[in-house]
């Protein structure tokens, strides 16, 4: 059983290595997708702010046209004021000029506020452009890292799979079928090392009878709770004490 126990330990180690490598391989594309989503988010914010700048400029340009139109109207009214034929007509022109000047003053304030808003939005545009450049740089680095690591991981997976396949040929015939069935269904979770008096997979207590069977090397011994194939740690194999 000592040789089989050592083999099961090696097999479990290789299954765990493969599981960890495959998880790393899957994490890479997920990280890239997170970076891509961040780029899309920052790009959308940038486009939205640019649209706000454009809309603010159009609104301000329209107000400036209104202000110029109002100034032209006031100039015409001043000419008419000087040509008034009566005090009543004179006063009417004067009142209209005052009202239009007040409206022009309000419009000028709104134009100034609009220019300040445009300036603030343009600063946000610059900030978002910088954020976008950084996000794209991080995306590029992530893509390159995933590509490089992917090649390394694929190489490690191929190597360990070959080692695993070779090691599996050393399984006793009465172990092989049960082992393969468990591995097909549970992968790296098909095996568990005994830790103290417990199953290393589900942490349930191993009965003395099960432990003795492991020491005696009686066929495949599975945890009665989780079903994992059990094996002893190296320091508890026959000849090393309990």
Protein backbone atom coordinates (compact mmCIF):
# COMPACT_ATOMS: atom_id res chain seq x y z
CA UNK A 1 0.00 0.00 0.00
CA UNK A 2 2.96 2.31 0.60
CA UNK A 3 3.70 2.39 -3.13
CA UNK A 4 0.04 2.89 -4.01
CA UNK A 5 -0.27 5.60 -1.37
CA UNK A 6 2.74 7.39 -2.82
CA UNK A 7 1.25 7.07 -6.29
CA UNK A 8 -2.09 8.48 -5.13
CA UNK A 9 -0.28 11.38 -3.49
CA UNK A 10 1.53 12.11 -6.75
CA UNK A 11 -1.66 11.77 -8.79
CA UNK A 12 -3.55 14.10 -6.47
CA UNK A 13 -0.71 16.63 -6.60
CA UNK A 14 -0.76 16.58 -10.41
CA UNK A 15 -4.56 16.92 -10.53
CA UNK A 16 -4.33 19.90 -8.18
CA UNK A 17 -1.61 21.48 -10.29
CA UNK A 18 -3.73 21.06 -13.41
CA UNK A 19 -6.76 22.52 -11.66
CA UNK A 20 -4.77 25.55 -10.51
CA UNK A 21 -3.27 26.05 -13.99
CA UNK A 22 -6.67 25.82 -15.67
CA UNK A 23 -8.12 28.32 -13.21
CA UNK A 24 -5.25 30.69 -13.95
CA UNK A 25 -5.83 30.20 -17.67
CA UNK A 26 -9.53 31.08 -17.24
CA UNK A 27 -8.80 34.07 -14.98
CA UNK A 28 -6.70 35.75 -17.66
CA UNK A 29 -9.52 36.34 -20.19
CA UNK A 30 -11.83 37.44 -17.35
CA UNK A 31 -9.28 40.04 -16.28
CA UNK A 32 -9.04 41.25 -19.89
CA UNK A 33 -12.83 41.56 -20.05
CA UNK A 34 -12.78 43.67 -16.88
CA UNK A 35 -10.18 45.96 -18.48
CA UNK A 36 -12.21 46.12 -21.70
CA UNK A 37 -15.32 47.04 -19.74
CA UNK A 38 -13.38 49.78 -17.96
CA UNK A 39 -12.15 51.18 -21.29
CA UNK A 40 -15.72 51.16 -22.63
CA UNK A 41 -16.99 52.89 -19.47
CA UNK A 42 -14.35 55.65 -19.56
CA UNK A 43 -14.85 56.07 -23.32
CA UNK A 44 -18.61 56.46 -22.80
CA UNK A 45 -17.99 59.07 -20.08
CA UNK A 46 -15.62 60.93 -22.41
CA UNK A 47 -18.11 60.91 -25.29
CA UNK A 48 -20.89 62.04 -22.97
CA UNK A 49 -18.80 64.96 -21.70
CA UNK A 50 -17.80 65.91 -25.24
CA UNK A 51 -21.48 65.93 -26.18
CA UNK A 52 -22.18 68.19 -23.18
CA UNK A 53 -19.42 70.57 -24.34
CA UNK A 54 -20.86 70.67 -27.84
CA UNK A 55 -24.40 71.30 -26.56
CA UNK A 56 -23.16 74.02 -24.18
CA UNK A 57 -21.25 75.74 -27.00
CA UNK A 58 -24.31 75.66 -29.29
CA UNK A 59 -26.50 77.09 -26.53
CA UNK A 60 -23.95 79.82 -25.79
CA UNK A 61 -23.55 80.67 -29.47
CA UNK A 62 -27.33 81.04 -29.76
CA UNK A 63 -27.40 83.36 -26.75
CA UNK A 64 -24.58 85.44 -28.21
CA UNK A 65 -26.59 85.80 -31.43
CA UNK A 66 -29.60 86.82 -29.35
CA UNK A 67 -27.43 89.33 -27.49
CA UNK A 68 -26.14 90.83 -30.76
CA UNK A 69 -29.67 90.94 -32.13
CA UNK A 70 -30.81 92.69 -28.96
CA UNK A 71 -27.96 95.19 -29.20
CA UNK A 72 -28.93 95.95 -32.83
CA UNK A 73 -32.54 96.43 -31.72
CA UNK A 74 -31.45 98.80 -28.96
CA UNK A 75 -29.37 100.79 -31.46
CA UNK A 76 -32.44 101.10 -33.72
CA UNK A 77 -34.55 102.17 -30.75
CA UNK A 78 -32.02 104.88 -29.84
CA UNK A 79 -32.32 106.29 -33.36
CA UNK A 80 -36.10 106.27 -33.03
CA UNK A 81 -35.78 107.80 -29.56
CA UNK A 82 -33.93 110.77 -31.03
CA UNK A 83 -36.60 111.12 -33.72
CA UNK A 84 -39.58 110.86 -31.36
CA UNK A 85 -42.43 113.27 -32.19
CA UNK A 86 -43.88 113.44 -28.71
CA UNK A 87 -43.00 112.97 -25.06
CA UNK A 88 -45.24 109.89 -24.93
CA UNK A 89 -43.47 108.32 -27.90
CA UNK A 90 -40.10 109.32 -26.42
CA UNK A 91 -40.94 107.69 -23.10
CA UNK A 92 -42.16 104.51 -24.79
CA UNK A 93 -38.89 104.16 -26.67
CA UNK A 94 -36.94 104.90 -23.51
CA UNK A 95 -38.85 102.25 -21.53
CA UNK A 96 -38.34 99.69 -24.31
CA UNK A 97 -34.61 100.42 -24.41
CA UNK A 98 -34.39 99.95 -20.63
CA UNK A 99 -36.27 96.61 -20.82
CA UNK A 100 -34.11 95.38 -23.69
CA UNK A 101 -30.93 96.44 -21.89
CA UNK A 102 -32.07 94.54 -18.78
CA UNK A 103 -32.76 91.47 -20.92
CA UNK A 104 -29.36 91.90 -22.56
CA UNK A 105 -27.69 92.12 -19.15
CA UNK A 106 -29.34 88.87 -18.03
CA UNK A 107 -28.34 87.25 -21.31
CA UNK A 108 -24.74 88.44 -20.91
CA UNK A 109 -24.62 86.88 -17.42
CA UNK A 110 -25.98 83.62 -18.82
CA UNK A 111 -23.35 83.68 -21.57
CA UNK A 112 -20.61 84.19 -18.97
CA UNK A 113 -21.97 81.32 -16.90
CA UNK A 114 -22.13 79.21 -20.04
CA UNK A 115 -18.50 79.96 -20.83
CA UNK A 116 -17.50 78.97 -17.30
CA UNK A 117 -19.47 75.71 -17.66
CA UNK A 118 -17.82 75.01 -21.01
CA UNK A 119 -14.40 75.59 -19.46
CA UNK A 120 -15.23 73.22 -16.59
CA UNK A 121 -16.51 70.57 -19.00
CA UNK A 122 -13.40 70.89 -21.16
CA UNK A 123 -11.27 70.18 -18.09
CA UNK A 124 -13.33 67.05 -17.48
CA UNK A 125 -12.78 66.08 -21.12
CA UNK A 126 -9.01 66.35 -20.63
CA UNK A 127 -9.23 64.28 -17.42
CA UNK A 128 -11.34 61.64 -19.15
CA UNK A 129 -8.93 61.54 -22.09
CA UNK A 130 -6.10 60.89 -19.65
CA UNK A 131 -8.17 58.21 -17.88
CA UNK A 132 -8.96 56.60 -21.21
CA UNK A 133 -5.31 56.57 -22.25
CA UNK A 134 -4.39 54.93 -18.94
CA UNK A 135 -7.24 52.42 -19.21
CA UNK A 136 -6.14 51.47 -22.74
CA UNK A 137 -2.55 51.12 -21.56
CA UNK A 138 -3.66 48.82 -18.73
CA UNK A 139 -5.77 46.82 -21.19
CA UNK A 140 -2.80 46.41 -23.52
CA UNK A 141 -0.57 45.26 -20.66
CA UNK A 142 -3.23 42.82 -19.47
CA UNK A 143 -3.70 41.41 -22.97
CA UNK A 144 0.06 40.95 -23.41
CA UNK A 145 0.40 39.37 -19.97
CA UNK A 146 -2.48 36.97 -20.61
CA UNK A 147 -1.04 36.08 -24.00
CA UNK A 148 2.43 35.41 -22.57
CA UNK A 149 1.18 33.58 -19.50
CA UNK A 150 -1.29 31.63 -21.61
CA UNK A 151 1.57 30.17 -23.64
CA UNK A 152 3.46 29.24 -20.46
CA UNK A 153 0.38 27.76 -18.80
CA UNK A 154 -0.49 25.76 -21.91
CA UNK A 155 3.04 24.33 -21.89
CA UNK A 156 2.80 23.40 -18.21
CA UNK A 157 -0.62 21.81 -18.73
CA UNK A 158 0.69 19.69 -21.61
CA UNK A 159 3.70 18.58 -19.56
CA UNK A 160 1.73 17.70 -16.41
CA UNK A 161 -1.00 15.94 -18.41
CA UNK A 162 1.67 13.73 -19.95
CA UNK A 163 3.20 13.02 -16.52
CA UNK A 164 -0.27 12.26 -15.14
CA UNK A 165 -1.09 9.88 -17.96
CA UNK A 166 2.17 8.05 -17.43
CA UNK A 167 1.67 7.85 -13.66
CA UNK A 168 -1.86 6.50 -14.08
CA UNK A 169 -0.49 3.47 -15.93
CA UNK A 170 1.09 2.39 -12.61
CA UNK A 171 -2.24 2.12 -10.82
CA UNK A 172 -3.13 -1.43 -9.69
CA UNK A 173 -5.88 -2.88 -11.85
CA UNK A 174 -8.33 -3.05 -8.92
CA UNK A 175 -7.77 0.71 -8.31
CA UNK A 176 -7.75 1.97 -11.86
CA UNK A 177 -11.45 1.82 -12.77
CA UNK A 178 -12.68 3.33 -9.49
CA UNK A 179 -10.03 6.03 -9.74
CA UNK A 180 -10.91 6.95 -13.33
CA UNK A 181 -14.62 7.03 -12.54
CA UNK A 182 -14.07 9.42 -9.63
CA UNK A 183 -11.69 11.63 -11.62
CA UNK A 184 -14.16 11.90 -14.52
CA UNK A 185 -16.84 13.11 -12.11
CA UNK A 186 -14.85 15.21 -9.65
CA UNK A 187 -11.48 16.08 -11.14
CA UNK A 188 -8.97 17.16 -8.50
CA UNK A 189 -11.63 16.62 -5.81
CA UNK A 190 -11.64 12.89 -6.51
CA UNK A 191 -8.87 12.30 -3.95
CA UNK A 192 -8.17 13.48 -0.42
CA UNK A 193 -5.32 12.99 1.99
CA UNK A 194 -6.04 11.90 5.54
CA UNK A 195 -5.19 14.79 7.86
CA UNK A 196 -4.91 13.72 11.46
CA UNK A 197 -8.02 11.64 11.99
CA UNK A 198 -10.04 13.48 9.34
CA UNK A 199 -10.71 13.41 5.62
CA UNK A 200 -8.76 16.25 4.04
CA UNK A 201 -11.66 16.90 1.66
CA UNK A 202 -14.72 17.18 3.91
CA UNK A 203 -13.01 17.25 7.34
CA UNK A 204 -15.15 14.39 8.65
CA UNK A 205 -13.63 11.94 11.12
CA UNK A 206 -12.09 8.79 9.63
CA UNK A 207 -13.17 5.69 11.52
CA UNK A 208 -10.47 3.40 12.97
CA UNK A 209 -11.68 0.66 10.64
CA UNK A 210 -11.21 2.83 7.55
CA UNK A 211 -7.80 3.92 8.77
CA UNK A 212 -6.73 0.33 9.38
CA UNK A 213 -7.91 -0.62 5.89
CA UNK A 214 -5.75 2.17 4.49
CA UNK A 215 -2.75 0.79 6.38
CA UNK A 216 -3.49 -2.71 5.17
CA UNK A 217 -3.90 -1.59 1.57
CA UNK A 218 -7.36 -3.06 1.07
CA UNK A 219 -8.52 -2.00 -2.39
CA UNK A 220 -9.85 1.54 -2.96
CA UNK A 221 -10.80 3.22 0.31
CA UNK A 222 -13.23 6.11 0.03
CA UNK A 223 -14.44 8.60 2.60
CA UNK A 224 -17.79 7.40 3.89
CA UNK A 225 -19.08 11.01 3.92
CA UNK A 226 -17.86 12.67 0.71
CA UNK A 227 -16.78 9.66 -1.35
CA UNK A 228 -13.26 10.92 -2.11
CA UNK A 229 -10.55 8.30 -2.56
CA UNK A 230 -8.42 8.46 0.57
CA UNK A 231 -4.68 8.10 0.93
CA UNK A 232 -2.31 8.51 3.86
CA UNK A 233 0.26 11.27 4.14
CA UNK A 234 3.84 10.16 3.67
CA UNK A 235 4.64 10.28 7.40
CA UNK A 236 1.78 7.88 8.22
CA UNK A 237 2.47 5.14 5.74
CA UNK A 238 3.56 1.70 6.97
CA UNK A 239 7.11 1.79 8.22
CA UNK A 240 6.89 5.46 9.30
CA UNK A 241 4.60 5.08 12.29
CA UNK A 242 1.16 6.56 12.98
